[in-house]
Amino acid sequence: MGWKVPIRVLVADDSEIVRRAICRTLQDDVDIQVVGETKDFASTVLRANELKPQIIVLDLHMPDDDNLALSFRSALTNDCQIIAISFSDDEETKTLARNIEASVLLGKMNLGTELIPAIKKMAS
């Protein structure tokens, strides 16, 4: 009987409450391992390059400069996938998600039901 390696996920959100909620949502799923948490784009790039997650759950509206968001994908040294998250669903947010090559954009209000299926779909 073989064992399955968990999907490595980095959670990036400037709100500690949101990060905790996401981690709590993911912690009981044996197929997913949260490998780290960050609160801005700059630290997310550093931690992603260090930890090599398969997937980054990334808040699109963190406090660092928007220029960091736009250069985010090019700053990553590993080929991870991005799940963009936001409370906003406007055209600017959708454009930013496309610009950073996010595989999907999820509304923060729906993470409880949509995040785990999205992670598993992306990892398969």
PDB file of N, CA and C in Angstrom:
ATOM      1  N   MET A   1       0.843  -1.175   0.000  1.00  0.00           N
ATOM      2  CA  MET A   1       0.000   0.000   0.000  1.00  0.00           C
ATOM      3  C   MET A   1       0.896   1.248   0.000  1.00  0.00           C
ATOM      4  N   GLY A   2       0.767   2.092  -1.050  1.00  0.00           N
ATOM      5  CA  GLY A   2       1.562   3.307  -1.135  1.00  0.00           C
ATOM      6  C   GLY A   2       0.872   4.469  -0.448  1.00  0.00           C
ATOM      7  N   TRP A   3       1.609   5.537  -0.230  1.00  0.00           N
ATOM      8  CA  TRP A   3       1.012   6.723   0.368  1.00  0.00           C
ATOM      9  C   TRP A   3       1.166   7.865  -0.604  1.00  0.00           C
ATOM     10  N   LYS A   4       0.287   8.780  -0.494  1.00  0.00           N
ATOM     11  CA  LYS A   4       0.227   9.925  -1.396  1.00  0.00           C
ATOM     12  C   LYS A   4       0.886  11.124  -0.727  1.00  0.00           C
ATOM     13  N   VAL A   5       1.725  11.823  -1.475  1.00  0.00           N
ATOM     14  CA  VAL A   5       2.381  13.023  -0.961  1.00  0.00           C
ATOM     15  C   VAL A   5       1.372  14.168  -0.967  1.00  0.00           C
ATOM     16  N   PRO A   6       1.241  14.888   0.148  1.00  0.00           N
ATOM     17  CA  PRO A   6       0.273  15.997   0.188  1.00  0.00           C
ATOM     18  C   PRO A   6       0.628  17.123  -0.792  1.00  0.00           C
ATOM     19  N   ILE A   7      -0.383  17.835  -1.211  1.00  0.00           N
ATOM     20  CA  ILE A   7      -0.224  19.005  -2.076  1.00  0.00           C
ATOM     21  C   ILE A   7       0.316  20.139  -1.212  1.00  0.00           C
ATOM     22  N   ARG A   8       1.452  20.680  -1.583  1.00  0.00           N
ATOM     23  CA  ARG A   8       2.106  21.737  -0.806  1.00  0.00           C
ATOM     24  C   ARG A   8       1.524  23.095  -1.193  1.00  0.00           C
ATOM     25  N   VAL A   9       0.979  23.812  -0.178  1.00  0.00           N
ATOM     26  CA  VAL A   9       0.286  25.077  -0.413  1.00  0.00           C
ATOM     27  C   VAL A   9       0.889  26.181   0.450  1.00  0.00           C
ATOM     28  N   LEU A  10       1.127  27.333  -0.166  1.00  0.00           N
ATOM     29  CA  LEU A  10       1.541  28.545   0.534  1.00  0.00           C
ATOM     30  C   LEU A  10       0.344  29.492   0.544  1.00  0.00           C
ATOM     31  N   VAL A  11       0.012  30.038   1.711  1.00  0.00           N
ATOM     32  CA  VAL A  11      -1.131  30.935   1.862  1.00  0.00           C
ATOM     33  C   VAL A  11      -0.626  32.367   2.026  1.00  0.00           C
ATOM     34  N   ALA A  12      -1.077  33.265   1.149  1.00  0.00           N
ATOM     35  CA  ALA A  12      -0.627  34.657   1.168  1.00  0.00           C
ATOM     36  C   ALA A  12      -1.830  35.604   1.241  1.00  0.00           C
ATOM     37  N   ASP A  13      -1.957  36.281   2.377  1.00  0.00           N
ATOM     38  CA  ASP A  13      -3.030  37.257   2.563  1.00  0.00           C
ATOM     39  C   ASP A  13      -2.580  38.241   3.629  1.00  0.00           C
ATOM     40  N   ASP A  14      -2.864  39.527   3.439  1.00  0.00           N
ATOM     41  CA  ASP A  14      -2.425  40.527   4.411  1.00  0.00           C
ATOM     42  C   ASP A  14      -3.237  40.488   5.695  1.00  0.00           C
ATOM     43  N   SER A  15      -4.396  39.828   5.693  1.00  0.00           N
ATOM     44  CA  SER A  15      -5.229  39.734   6.887  1.00  0.00           C
ATOM     45  C   SER A  15      -4.925  38.439   7.637  1.00  0.00           C
ATOM     46  N   GLU A  16      -4.483  38.575   8.872  1.00  0.00           N
ATOM     47  CA  GLU A  16      -4.201  37.392   9.681  1.00  0.00           C
ATOM     48  C   GLU A  16      -5.460  36.557   9.882  1.00  0.00           C
ATOM     49  N   ILE A  17      -6.596  37.206  10.027  1.00  0.00           N
ATOM     50  CA  ILE A  17      -7.863  36.489  10.215  1.00  0.00           C
ATOM     51  C   ILE A  17      -8.172  35.632   8.989  1.00  0.00           C
ATOM     52  N   VAL A  18      -7.981  36.176   7.807  1.00  0.00           N
ATOM     53  CA  VAL A  18      -8.246  35.418   6.582  1.00  0.00           C
ATOM     54  C   VAL A  18      -7.247  34.280   6.445  1.00  0.00           C
ATOM     55  N   ARG A  19      -5.962  34.542   6.718  1.00  0.00           N
ATOM     56  CA  ARG A  19      -4.954  33.470   6.650  1.00  0.00           C
ATOM     57  C   ARG A  19      -5.316  32.332   7.588  1.00  0.00           C
ATOM     58  N   ARG A  20      -5.704  32.660   8.819  1.00  0.00           N
ATOM     59  CA  ARG A  20      -6.085  31.621   9.787  1.00  0.00           C
ATOM     60  C   ARG A  20      -7.283  30.828   9.298  1.00  0.00           C
ATOM     61  N   ALA A  21      -8.271  31.518   8.738  1.00  0.00           N
ATOM     62  CA  ALA A  21      -9.473  30.834   8.236  1.00  0.00           C
ATOM     63  C   ALA A  21      -9.113  29.885   7.091  1.00  0.00           C
ATOM     64  N   ILE A  22      -8.258  30.339   6.201  1.00  0.00           N
ATOM     65  CA  ILE A  22      -7.840  29.483   5.089  1.00  0.00           C
ATOM     66  C   ILE A  22      -7.081  28.266   5.617  1.00  0.00           C
ATOM     67  N   CYS A  23      -6.137  28.493   6.508  1.00  0.00           N
ATOM     68  CA  CYS A  23      -5.355  27.384   7.070  1.00  0.00           C
ATOM     69  C   CYS A  23      -6.247  26.405   7.814  1.00  0.00           C
ATOM     70  N   ARG A  24      -7.205  26.928   8.548  1.00  0.00           N
ATOM     71  CA  ARG A  24      -8.150  26.070   9.276  1.00  0.00           C
ATOM     72  C   ARG A  24      -8.975  25.232   8.290  1.00  0.00           C
ATOM     73  N   THR A  25      -9.368  25.832   7.193  1.00  0.00           N
ATOM     74  CA  THR A  25     -10.124  25.120   6.167  1.00  0.00           C
ATOM     75  C   THR A  25      -9.294  23.973   5.579  1.00  0.00           C
ATOM     76  N   LEU A  26      -8.008  24.221   5.389  1.00  0.00           N
ATOM     77  CA  LEU A  26      -7.147  23.240   4.733  1.00  0.00           C
ATOM     78  C   LEU A  26      -6.560  22.192   5.668  1.00  0.00           C
ATOM     79  N   GLN A  27      -6.445  22.496   6.946  1.00  0.00           N
ATOM     80  CA  GLN A  27      -5.682  21.647   7.867  1.00  0.00           C
ATOM     81  C   GLN A  27      -6.221  20.232   8.044  1.00  0.00           C
ATOM     82  N   ASP A  28      -7.508  20.036   7.908  1.00  0.00           N
ATOM     83  CA  ASP A  28      -8.082  18.713   8.137  1.00  0.00           C
ATOM     84  C   ASP A  28      -8.095  17.829   6.888  1.00  0.00           C
ATOM     85  N   ASP A  29      -7.655  18.359   5.768  1.00  0.00           N
ATOM     86  CA  ASP A  29      -7.627  17.565   4.547  1.00  0.00           C
ATOM     87  C   ASP A  29      -6.254  16.903   4.417  1.00  0.00           C
ATOM     88  N   VAL A  30      -6.227  15.583   4.443  1.00  0.00           N
ATOM     89  CA  VAL A  30      -4.956  14.844   4.427  1.00  0.00           C
ATOM     90  C   VAL A  30      -4.199  14.991   3.116  1.00  0.00           C
ATOM     91  N   ASP A  31      -4.877  15.445   2.062  1.00  0.00           N
ATOM     92  CA  ASP A  31      -4.226  15.605   0.763  1.00  0.00           C
ATOM     93  C   ASP A  31      -3.517  16.952   0.618  1.00  0.00           C
ATOM     94  N   ILE A  32      -3.670  17.836   1.617  1.00  0.00           N
ATOM     95  CA  ILE A  32      -3.137  19.192   1.516  1.00  0.00           C
ATOM     96  C   ILE A  32      -2.260  19.501   2.728  1.00  0.00           C
ATOM     97  N   GLN A  33      -1.105  20.124   2.465  1.00  0.00           N
ATOM     98  CA  GLN A  33      -0.206  20.557   3.542  1.00  0.00           C
ATOM     99  C   GLN A  33       0.110  22.042   3.349  1.00  0.00           C
ATOM    100  N   VAL A  34      -0.253  22.863   4.331  1.00  0.00           N
ATOM    101  CA  VAL A  34       0.116  24.277   4.289  1.00  0.00           C
ATOM    102  C   VAL A  34       1.585  24.355   4.720  1.00  0.00           C
ATOM    103  N   VAL A  35       2.443  24.816   3.814  1.00  0.00           N
ATOM    104  CA  VAL A  35       3.878  24.863   4.097  1.00  0.00           C
ATOM    105  C   VAL A  35       4.333  26.225   4.601  1.00  0.00           C
ATOM    106  N   GLY A  36       3.471  27.236   4.504  1.00  0.00           N
ATOM    107  CA  GLY A  36       3.839  28.553   4.988  1.00  0.00           C
ATOM    108  C   GLY A  36       2.738  29.563   4.782  1.00  0.00           C
ATOM    109  N   GLU A  37       2.931  30.717   5.434  1.00  0.00           N
ATOM    110  CA  GLU A  37       1.995  31.835   5.334  1.00  0.00           C
ATOM    111  C   GLU A  37       2.795  33.117   5.150  1.00  0.00           C
ATOM    112  N   THR A  38       2.241  34.038   4.367  1.00  0.00           N
ATOM    113  CA  THR A  38       2.876  35.342   4.169  1.00  0.00           C
ATOM    114  C   THR A  38       1.806  36.429   4.151  1.00  0.00           C
ATOM    115  N   LYS A  39       2.263  37.691   4.287  1.00  0.00           N
ATOM    116  CA  LYS A  39       1.295  38.783   4.370  1.00  0.00           C
ATOM    117  C   LYS A  39       1.486  39.883   3.335  1.00  0.00           C
ATOM    118  N   ASP A  40       2.416  39.704   2.398  1.00  0.00           N
ATOM    119  CA  ASP A  40       2.584  40.669   1.320  1.00  0.00           C
ATOM    120  C   ASP A  40       3.255  39.995   0.125  1.00  0.00           C
ATOM    121  N   PHE A  41       3.279  40.682  -1.003  1.00  0.00           N
ATOM    122  CA  PHE A  41       3.833  40.102  -2.224  1.00  0.00           C
ATOM    123  C   PHE A  41       5.323  39.800  -2.092  1.00  0.00           C
ATOM    124  N   ALA A  42       6.084  40.715  -1.514  1.00  0.00           N
ATOM    125  CA  ALA A  42       7.528  40.526  -1.407  1.00  0.00           C
ATOM    126  C   ALA A  42       7.885  39.280  -0.601  1.00  0.00           C
ATOM    127  N   SER A  43       7.264  39.109   0.561  1.00  0.00           N
ATOM    128  CA  SER A  43       7.574  37.926   1.373  1.00  0.00           C
ATOM    129  C   SER A  43       7.018  36.655   0.726  1.00  0.00           C
ATOM    130  N   THR A  44       5.954  36.781  -0.049  1.00  0.00           N
ATOM    131  CA  THR A  44       5.412  35.614  -0.740  1.00  0.00           C
ATOM    132  C   THR A  44       6.396  35.111  -1.786  1.00  0.00           C
ATOM    133  N   VAL A  45       7.002  36.014  -2.526  1.00  0.00           N
ATOM    134  CA  VAL A  45       8.011  35.606  -3.511  1.00  0.00           C
ATOM    135  C   VAL A  45       9.177  34.911  -2.808  1.00  0.00           C
ATOM    136  N   LEU A  46       9.680  35.499  -1.732  1.00  0.00           N
ATOM    137  CA  LEU A  46      10.802  34.901  -1.001  1.00  0.00           C
ATOM    138  C   LEU A  46      10.457  33.513  -0.479  1.00  0.00           C
ATOM    139  N   ARG A  47       9.301  33.391   0.180  1.00  0.00           N
ATOM    140  CA  ARG A  47       8.905  32.097   0.770  1.00  0.00           C
ATOM    141  C   ARG A  47       8.585  31.064  -0.313  1.00  0.00           C
ATOM    142  N   ALA A  48       7.964  31.493  -1.402  1.00  0.00           N
ATOM    143  CA  ALA A  48       7.656  30.561  -2.490  1.00  0.00           C
ATOM    144  C   ALA A  48       8.929  30.011  -3.112  1.00  0.00           C
ATOM    145  N   ASN A  49       9.913  30.872  -3.303  1.00  0.00           N
ATOM    146  CA  ASN A  49      11.175  30.420  -3.879  1.00  0.00           C
ATOM    147  C   ASN A  49      11.942  29.515  -2.920  1.00  0.00           C
ATOM    148  N   GLU A  50      11.750  29.718  -1.640  1.00  0.00           N
ATOM    149  CA  GLU A  50      12.397  28.890  -0.624  1.00  0.00           C
ATOM    150  C   GLU A  50      11.662  27.563  -0.419  1.00  0.00           C
ATOM    151  N   LEU A  51      10.342  27.607  -0.288  1.00  0.00           N
ATOM    152  CA  LEU A  51       9.545  26.430   0.090  1.00  0.00           C
ATOM    153  C   LEU A  51       9.081  25.578  -1.089  1.00  0.00           C
ATOM    154  N   LYS A  52       9.083  26.137  -2.271  1.00  0.00           N
ATOM    155  CA  LYS A  52       8.665  25.431  -3.485  1.00  0.00           C
ATOM    156  C   LYS A  52       7.278  24.784  -3.377  1.00  0.00           C
ATOM    157  N   PRO A  53       6.253  25.578  -3.047  1.00  0.00           N
ATOM    158  CA  PRO A  53       4.898  25.012  -2.990  1.00  0.00           C
ATOM    159  C   PRO A  53       4.416  24.652  -4.396  1.00  0.00           C
ATOM    160  N   GLN A  54       3.457  23.749  -4.457  1.00  0.00           N
ATOM    161  CA  GLN A  54       2.827  23.437  -5.739  1.00  0.00           C
ATOM    162  C   GLN A  54       1.808  24.514  -6.091  1.00  0.00           C
ATOM    163  N   ILE A  55       1.179  25.056  -5.047  1.00  0.00           N
ATOM    164  CA  ILE A  55       0.105  26.036  -5.248  1.00  0.00           C
ATOM    165  C   ILE A  55       0.264  27.181  -4.247  1.00  0.00           C
ATOM    166  N   ILE A  56       0.050  28.398  -4.724  1.00  0.00           N
ATOM    167  CA  ILE A  56      -0.005  29.568  -3.851  1.00  0.00           C
ATOM    168  C   ILE A  56      -1.443  30.071  -3.859  1.00  0.00           C
ATOM    169  N   VAL A  57      -2.028  30.204  -2.673  1.00  0.00           N
ATOM    170  CA  VAL A  57      -3.335  30.851  -2.528  1.00  0.00           C
ATOM    171  C   VAL A  57      -3.000  32.314  -2.256  1.00  0.00           C
ATOM    172  N   LEU A  58      -3.262  33.187  -3.216  1.00  0.00           N
ATOM    173  CA  LEU A  58      -2.719  34.545  -3.221  1.00  0.00           C
ATOM    174  C   LEU A  58      -3.800  35.616  -3.228  1.00  0.00           C
ATOM    175  N   ASP A  59      -3.837  36.413  -2.163  1.00  0.00           N
ATOM    176  CA  ASP A  59      -4.705  37.586  -2.113  1.00  0.00           C
ATOM    177  C   ASP A  59      -4.172  38.599  -3.130  1.00  0.00           C
ATOM    178  N   LEU A  60      -5.028  39.079  -3.999  1.00  0.00           N
ATOM    179  CA  LEU A  60      -4.590  40.023  -5.026  1.00  0.00           C
ATOM    180  C   LEU A  60      -4.451  41.450  -4.524  1.00  0.00           C
ATOM    181  N   HIS A  61      -4.992  41.747  -3.359  1.00  0.00           N
ATOM    182  CA  HIS A  61      -4.980  43.126  -2.867  1.00  0.00           C
ATOM    183  C   HIS A  61      -4.273  43.198  -1.520  1.00  0.00           C
ATOM    184  N   MET A  62      -2.949  43.055  -1.581  1.00  0.00           N
ATOM    185  CA  MET A  62      -2.137  43.172  -0.369  1.00  0.00           C
ATOM    186  C   MET A  62      -1.477  44.546  -0.371  1.00  0.00           C
ATOM    187  N   PRO A  63      -0.920  44.962   0.776  1.00  0.00           N
ATOM    188  CA  PRO A  63      -0.489  46.346   0.921  1.00  0.00           C
ATOM    189  C   PRO A  63       0.726  46.781   0.105  1.00  0.00           C
ATOM    190  N   ASP A  64       1.530  45.844  -0.406  1.00  0.00           N
ATOM    191  CA  ASP A  64       2.672  46.350  -1.157  1.00  0.00           C
ATOM    192  C   ASP A  64       2.228  46.939  -2.478  1.00  0.00           C
ATOM    193  N   ASP A  65       3.143  47.575  -3.081  1.00  0.00           N
ATOM    194  CA  ASP A  65       2.928  48.287  -4.339  1.00  0.00           C
ATOM    195  C   ASP A  65       2.336  47.364  -5.408  1.00  0.00           C
ATOM    196  N   ASP A  66       1.425  47.895  -6.210  1.00  0.00           N
ATOM    197  CA  ASP A  66       0.841  47.118  -7.299  1.00  0.00           C
ATOM    198  C   ASP A  66       1.890  46.640  -8.301  1.00  0.00           C
ATOM    199  N   ASN A  67       2.996  47.353  -8.406  1.00  0.00           N
ATOM    200  CA  ASN A  67       4.059  46.922  -9.315  1.00  0.00           C
ATOM    201  C   ASN A  67       4.602  45.562  -8.899  1.00  0.00           C
ATOM    202  N   LEU A  68       4.636  45.283  -7.591  1.00  0.00           N
ATOM    203  CA  LEU A  68       5.074  43.965  -7.135  1.00  0.00           C
ATOM    204  C   LEU A  68       4.080  42.903  -7.562  1.00  0.00           C
ATOM    205  N   ALA A  69       2.806  43.210  -7.514  1.00  0.00           N
ATOM    206  CA  ALA A  69       1.796  42.248  -7.952  1.00  0.00           C
ATOM    207  C   ALA A  69       1.981  41.928  -9.432  1.00  0.00           C
ATOM    208  N   LEU A  70       2.234  42.956 -10.229  1.00  0.00           N
ATOM    209  CA  LEU A  70       2.385  42.753 -11.668  1.00  0.00           C
ATOM    210  C   LEU A  70       3.634  41.965 -12.024  1.00  0.00           C
ATOM    211  N   SER A  71       4.684  42.082 -11.227  1.00  0.00           N
ATOM    212  CA  SER A  71       5.920  41.349 -11.513  1.00  0.00           C
ATOM    213  C   SER A  71       6.012  40.047 -10.711  1.00  0.00           C
ATOM    214  N   PHE A  72       4.956  39.713 -10.005  1.00  0.00           N
ATOM    215  CA  PHE A  72       4.955  38.563  -9.103  1.00  0.00           C
ATOM    216  C   PHE A  72       5.354  37.268  -9.806  1.00  0.00           C
ATOM    217  N   ARG A  73       4.673  36.929 -10.878  1.00  0.00           N
ATOM    218  CA  ARG A  73       4.930  35.659 -11.575  1.00  0.00           C
ATOM    219  C   ARG A  73       6.380  35.563 -12.047  1.00  0.00           C
ATOM    220  N   SER A  74       6.899  36.624 -12.604  1.00  0.00           N
ATOM    221  CA  SER A  74       8.265  36.578 -13.130  1.00  0.00           C
ATOM    222  C   SER A  74       9.307  36.458 -12.017  1.00  0.00           C
ATOM    223  N   ALA A  75       8.950  36.815 -10.788  1.00  0.00           N
ATOM    224  CA  ALA A  75       9.886  36.721  -9.670  1.00  0.00           C
ATOM    225  C   ALA A  75       9.951  35.320  -9.061  1.00  0.00           C
ATOM    226  N   LEU A  76       9.014  34.468  -9.424  1.00  0.00           N
ATOM    227  CA  LEU A  76       9.007  33.105  -8.888  1.00  0.00           C
ATOM    228  C   LEU A  76      10.008  32.235  -9.632  1.00  0.00           C
ATOM    229  N   THR A  77      10.774  31.447  -8.885  1.00  0.00           N
ATOM    230  CA  THR A  77      11.761  30.571  -9.513  1.00  0.00           C
ATOM    231  C   THR A  77      11.239  29.156  -9.709  1.00  0.00           C
ATOM    232  N   ASN A  78      10.109  28.828  -9.118  1.00  0.00           N
ATOM    233  CA  ASN A  78       9.536  27.500  -9.331  1.00  0.00           C
ATOM    234  C   ASN A  78       8.239  27.619 -10.125  1.00  0.00           C
ATOM    235  N   ASP A  79       7.830  26.513 -10.675  1.00  0.00           N
ATOM    236  CA  ASP A  79       6.669  26.506 -11.556  1.00  0.00           C
ATOM    237  C   ASP A  79       5.409  26.135 -10.780  1.00  0.00           C
ATOM    238  N   CYS A  80       5.041  26.954  -9.816  1.00  0.00           N
ATOM    239  CA  CYS A  80       3.844  26.675  -9.022  1.00  0.00           C
ATOM    240  C   CYS A  80       2.625  27.308  -9.692  1.00  0.00           C
ATOM    241  N   GLN A  81       1.471  26.830  -9.283  1.00  0.00           N
ATOM    242  CA  GLN A  81       0.226  27.383  -9.783  1.00  0.00           C
ATOM    243  C   GLN A  81      -0.318  28.383  -8.763  1.00  0.00           C
ATOM    244  N   ILE A  82      -1.132  29.309  -9.236  1.00  0.00           N
ATOM    245  CA  ILE A  82      -1.655  30.358  -8.366  1.00  0.00           C
ATOM    246  C   ILE A  82      -3.175  30.312  -8.356  1.00  0.00           C
ATOM    247  N   ILE A  83      -3.727  30.289  -7.147  1.00  0.00           N
ATOM    248  CA  ILE A  83      -5.153  30.518  -6.954  1.00  0.00           C
ATOM    249  C   ILE A  83      -5.273  31.934  -6.416  1.00  0.00           C
ATOM    250  N   ALA A  84      -5.784  32.838  -7.221  1.00  0.00           N
ATOM    251  CA  ALA A  84      -5.973  34.227  -6.804  1.00  0.00           C
ATOM    252  C   ALA A  84      -7.264  34.310  -5.995  1.00  0.00           C
ATOM    253  N   ILE A  85      -7.227  35.101  -4.916  1.00  0.00           N
ATOM    254  CA  ILE A  85      -8.422  35.303  -4.097  1.00  0.00           C
ATOM    255  C   ILE A  85      -8.633  36.796  -3.865  1.00  0.00           C
ATOM    256  N   SER A  86      -9.892  37.177  -3.756  1.00  0.00           N
ATOM    257  CA  SER A  86     -10.207  38.583  -3.541  1.00  0.00           C
ATOM    258  C   SER A  86     -11.662  38.729  -3.103  1.00  0.00           C
ATOM    259  N   PHE A  87     -11.941  39.793  -2.349  1.00  0.00           N
ATOM    260  CA  PHE A  87     -13.319  40.151  -2.057  1.00  0.00           C
ATOM    261  C   PHE A  87     -13.941  40.818  -3.277  1.00  0.00           C
ATOM    262  N   SER A  88     -13.098  41.429  -4.107  1.00  0.00           N
ATOM    263  CA  SER A  88     -13.575  42.150  -5.293  1.00  0.00           C
ATOM    264  C   SER A  88     -13.751  41.206  -6.471  1.00  0.00           C
ATOM    265  N   ASP A  89     -14.718  41.520  -7.308  1.00  0.00           N
ATOM    266  CA  ASP A  89     -14.955  40.742  -8.516  1.00  0.00           C
ATOM    267  C   ASP A  89     -15.079  41.687  -9.710  1.00  0.00           C
ATOM    268  N   ASP A  90     -14.358  42.801  -9.632  1.00  0.00           N
ATOM    269  CA  ASP A  90     -14.448  43.786 -10.697  1.00  0.00           C
ATOM    270  C   ASP A  90     -13.458  43.466 -11.817  1.00  0.00           C
ATOM    271  N   GLU A  91     -13.528  44.221 -12.884  1.00  0.00           N
ATOM    272  CA  GLU A  91     -12.682  43.975 -14.052  1.00  0.00           C
ATOM    273  C   GLU A  91     -11.198  44.169 -13.733  1.00  0.00           C
ATOM    274  N   GLU A  92     -10.875  45.137 -12.889  1.00  0.00           N
ATOM    275  CA  GLU A  92      -9.477  45.364 -12.503  1.00  0.00           C
ATOM    276  C   GLU A  92      -8.903  44.136 -11.791  1.00  0.00           C
ATOM    277  N   THR A  93      -9.677  43.524 -10.907  1.00  0.00           N
ATOM    278  CA  THR A  93      -9.236  42.335 -10.185  1.00  0.00           C
ATOM    279  C   THR A  93      -9.061  41.162 -11.144  1.00  0.00           C
ATOM    280  N   LYS A  94      -9.997  40.990 -12.065  1.00  0.00           N
ATOM    281  CA  LYS A  94      -9.896  39.909 -13.050  1.00  0.00           C
ATOM    282  C   LYS A  94      -8.674  40.101 -13.947  1.00  0.00           C
ATOM    283  N   THR A  95      -8.396  41.335 -14.316  1.00  0.00           N
ATOM    284  CA  THR A  95      -7.227  41.631 -15.145  1.00  0.00           C
ATOM    285  C   THR A  95      -5.947  41.319 -14.386  1.00  0.00           C
ATOM    286  N   LEU A  96      -5.879  41.708 -13.117  1.00  0.00           N
ATOM    287  CA  LEU A  96      -4.701  41.415 -12.306  1.00  0.00           C
ATOM    288  C   LEU A  96      -4.495  39.903 -12.189  1.00  0.00           C
ATOM    289  N   ALA A  97      -5.558  39.160 -11.972  1.00  0.00           N
ATOM    290  CA  ALA A  97      -5.453  37.697 -11.888  1.00  0.00           C
ATOM    291  C   ALA A  97      -4.899  37.118 -13.192  1.00  0.00           C
ATOM    292  N   ARG A  98      -5.360  37.611 -14.308  1.00  0.00           N
ATOM    293  CA  ARG A  98      -4.832  37.149 -15.610  1.00  0.00           C
ATOM    294  C   ARG A  98      -3.367  37.533 -15.766  1.00  0.00           C
ATOM    295  N   ASN A  99      -3.011  38.759 -15.357  1.00  0.00           N
ATOM    296  CA  ASN A  99      -1.635  39.236 -15.517  1.00  0.00           C
ATOM    297  C   ASN A  99      -0.626  38.434 -14.714  1.00  0.00           C
ATOM    298  N   ILE A 100      -1.051  37.917 -13.564  1.00  0.00           N
ATOM    299  CA  ILE A 100      -0.121  37.099 -12.774  1.00  0.00           C
ATOM    300  C   ILE A 100      -0.262  35.612 -13.119  1.00  0.00           C
ATOM    301  N   GLU A 101      -1.040  35.335 -14.152  1.00  0.00           N
ATOM    302  CA  GLU A 101      -1.236  33.978 -14.662  1.00  0.00           C
ATOM    303  C   GLU A 101      -1.851  33.055 -13.612  1.00  0.00           C
ATOM    304  N   ALA A 102      -2.803  33.595 -12.861  1.00  0.00           N
ATOM    305  CA  ALA A 102      -3.526  32.758 -11.898  1.00  0.00           C
ATOM    306  C   ALA A 102      -4.364  31.747 -12.672  1.00  0.00           C
ATOM    307  N   SER A 103      -4.413  30.530 -12.162  1.00  0.00           N
ATOM    308  CA  SER A 103      -5.208  29.481 -12.803  1.00  0.00           C
ATOM    309  C   SER A 103      -6.693  29.703 -12.577  1.00  0.00           C
ATOM    310  N   VAL A 104      -7.018  30.336 -11.448  1.00  0.00           N
ATOM    311  CA  VAL A 104      -8.412  30.578 -11.104  1.00  0.00           C
ATOM    312  C   VAL A 104      -8.482  31.777 -10.165  1.00  0.00           C
ATOM    313  N   LEU A 105      -9.600  32.477 -10.183  1.00  0.00           N
ATOM    314  CA  LEU A 105      -9.874  33.571  -9.252  1.00  0.00           C
ATOM    315  C   LEU A 105     -11.089  33.175  -8.438  1.00  0.00           C
ATOM    316  N   LEU A 106     -10.915  33.104  -7.111  1.00  0.00           N
ATOM    317  CA  LEU A 106     -12.013  32.738  -6.215  1.00  0.00           C
ATOM    318  C   LEU A 106     -12.384  33.922  -5.330  1.00  0.00           C
ATOM    319  N   GLY A 107     -13.657  34.070  -5.073  1.00  0.00           N
ATOM    320  CA  GLY A 107     -14.122  35.084  -4.137  1.00  0.00           C
ATOM    321  C   GLY A 107     -13.853  34.621  -2.713  1.00  0.00           C
ATOM    322  N   LYS A 108     -13.391  35.512  -1.869  1.00  0.00           N
ATOM    323  CA  LYS A 108     -13.075  35.140  -0.486  1.00  0.00           C
ATOM    324  C   LYS A 108     -14.295  34.624   0.264  1.00  0.00           C
ATOM    325  N   MET A 109     -15.473  35.090  -0.091  1.00  0.00           N
ATOM    326  CA  MET A 109     -16.676  34.645   0.599  1.00  0.00           C
ATOM    327  C   MET A 109     -17.027  33.187   0.275  1.00  0.00           C
ATOM    328  N   ASN A 110     -16.421  32.634  -0.775  1.00  0.00           N
ATOM    329  CA  ASN A 110     -16.725  31.269  -1.205  1.00  0.00           C
ATOM    330  C   ASN A 110     -15.593  30.285  -0.923  1.00  0.00           C
ATOM    331  N   LEU A 111     -14.552  30.715  -0.238  1.00  0.00           N
ATOM    332  CA  LEU A 111     -13.394  29.846  -0.035  1.00  0.00           C
ATOM    333  C   LEU A 111     -13.745  28.575   0.727  1.00  0.00           C
ATOM    334  N   GLY A 112     -14.678  28.661   1.661  1.00  0.00           N
ATOM    335  CA  GLY A 112     -15.049  27.502   2.457  1.00  0.00           C
ATOM    336  C   GLY A 112     -15.546  26.331   1.627  1.00  0.00           C
ATOM    337  N   THR A 113     -16.158  26.614   0.492  1.00  0.00           N
ATOM    338  CA  THR A 113     -16.680  25.540  -0.351  1.00  0.00           C
ATOM    339  C   THR A 113     -15.889  25.334  -1.640  1.00  0.00           C
ATOM    340  N   GLU A 114     -15.169  26.357  -2.096  1.00  0.00           N
ATOM    341  CA  GLU A 114     -14.516  26.271  -3.404  1.00  0.00           C
ATOM    342  C   GLU A 114     -13.001  26.035  -3.360  1.00  0.00           C
ATOM    343  N   LEU A 115     -12.354  26.354  -2.238  1.00  0.00           N
ATOM    344  CA  LEU A 115     -10.885  26.309  -2.218  1.00  0.00           C
ATOM    345  C   LEU A 115     -10.334  24.891  -2.322  1.00  0.00           C
ATOM    346  N   ILE A 116     -10.787  23.981  -1.491  1.00  0.00           N
ATOM    347  CA  ILE A 116     -10.237  22.618  -1.522  1.00  0.00           C
ATOM    348  C   ILE A 116     -10.483  21.957  -2.879  1.00  0.00           C
ATOM    349  N   PRO A 117     -11.691  22.023  -3.437  1.00  0.00           N
ATOM    350  CA  PRO A 117     -11.867  21.432  -4.775  1.00  0.00           C
ATOM    351  C   PRO A 117     -10.945  22.071  -5.826  1.00  0.00           C
ATOM    352  N   ALA A 118     -10.733  23.389  -5.751  1.00  0.00           N
ATOM    353  CA  ALA A 118      -9.857  24.063  -6.708  1.00  0.00           C
ATOM    354  C   ALA A 118      -8.416  23.575  -6.565  1.00  0.00           C
ATOM    355  N   ILE A 119      -7.947  23.448  -5.337  1.00  0.00           N
ATOM    356  CA  ILE A 119      -6.582  22.957  -5.098  1.00  0.00           C
ATOM    357  C   ILE A 119      -6.422  21.548  -5.644  1.00  0.00           C
ATOM    358  N   LYS A 120      -7.364  20.681  -5.345  1.00  0.00           N
ATOM    359  CA  LYS A 120      -7.261  19.289  -5.794  1.00  0.00           C
ATOM    360  C   LYS A 120      -7.354  19.174  -7.315  1.00  0.00           C
ATOM    361  N   LYS A 121      -8.183  19.982  -7.926  1.00  0.00           N
ATOM    362  CA  LYS A 121      -8.295  19.963  -9.383  1.00  0.00           C
ATOM    363  C   LYS A 121      -6.980  20.420 -10.018  1.00  0.00           C
ATOM    364  N   MET A 122      -6.393  21.462  -9.473  1.00  0.00           N
ATOM    365  CA  MET A 122      -5.148  21.986 -10.028  1.00  0.00           C
ATOM    366  C   MET A 122      -3.994  21.002  -9.854  1.00  0.00           C
ATOM    367  N   ALA A 123      -4.000  20.264  -8.766  1.00  0.00           N
ATOM    368  CA  ALA A 123      -2.903  19.344  -8.470  1.00  0.00           C
ATOM    369  C   ALA A 123      -3.020  18.018  -9.223  1.00  0.00           C
ATOM    370  N   SER A 124      -4.203  17.736  -9.773  1.00  0.00           N
ATOM    371  CA  SER A 124      -4.377  16.445 -10.455  1.00  0.00           C
ATOM    372  C   SER A 124      -3.873  16.474 -11.886  1.00  0.00           C
TER     373      SER A 124
END
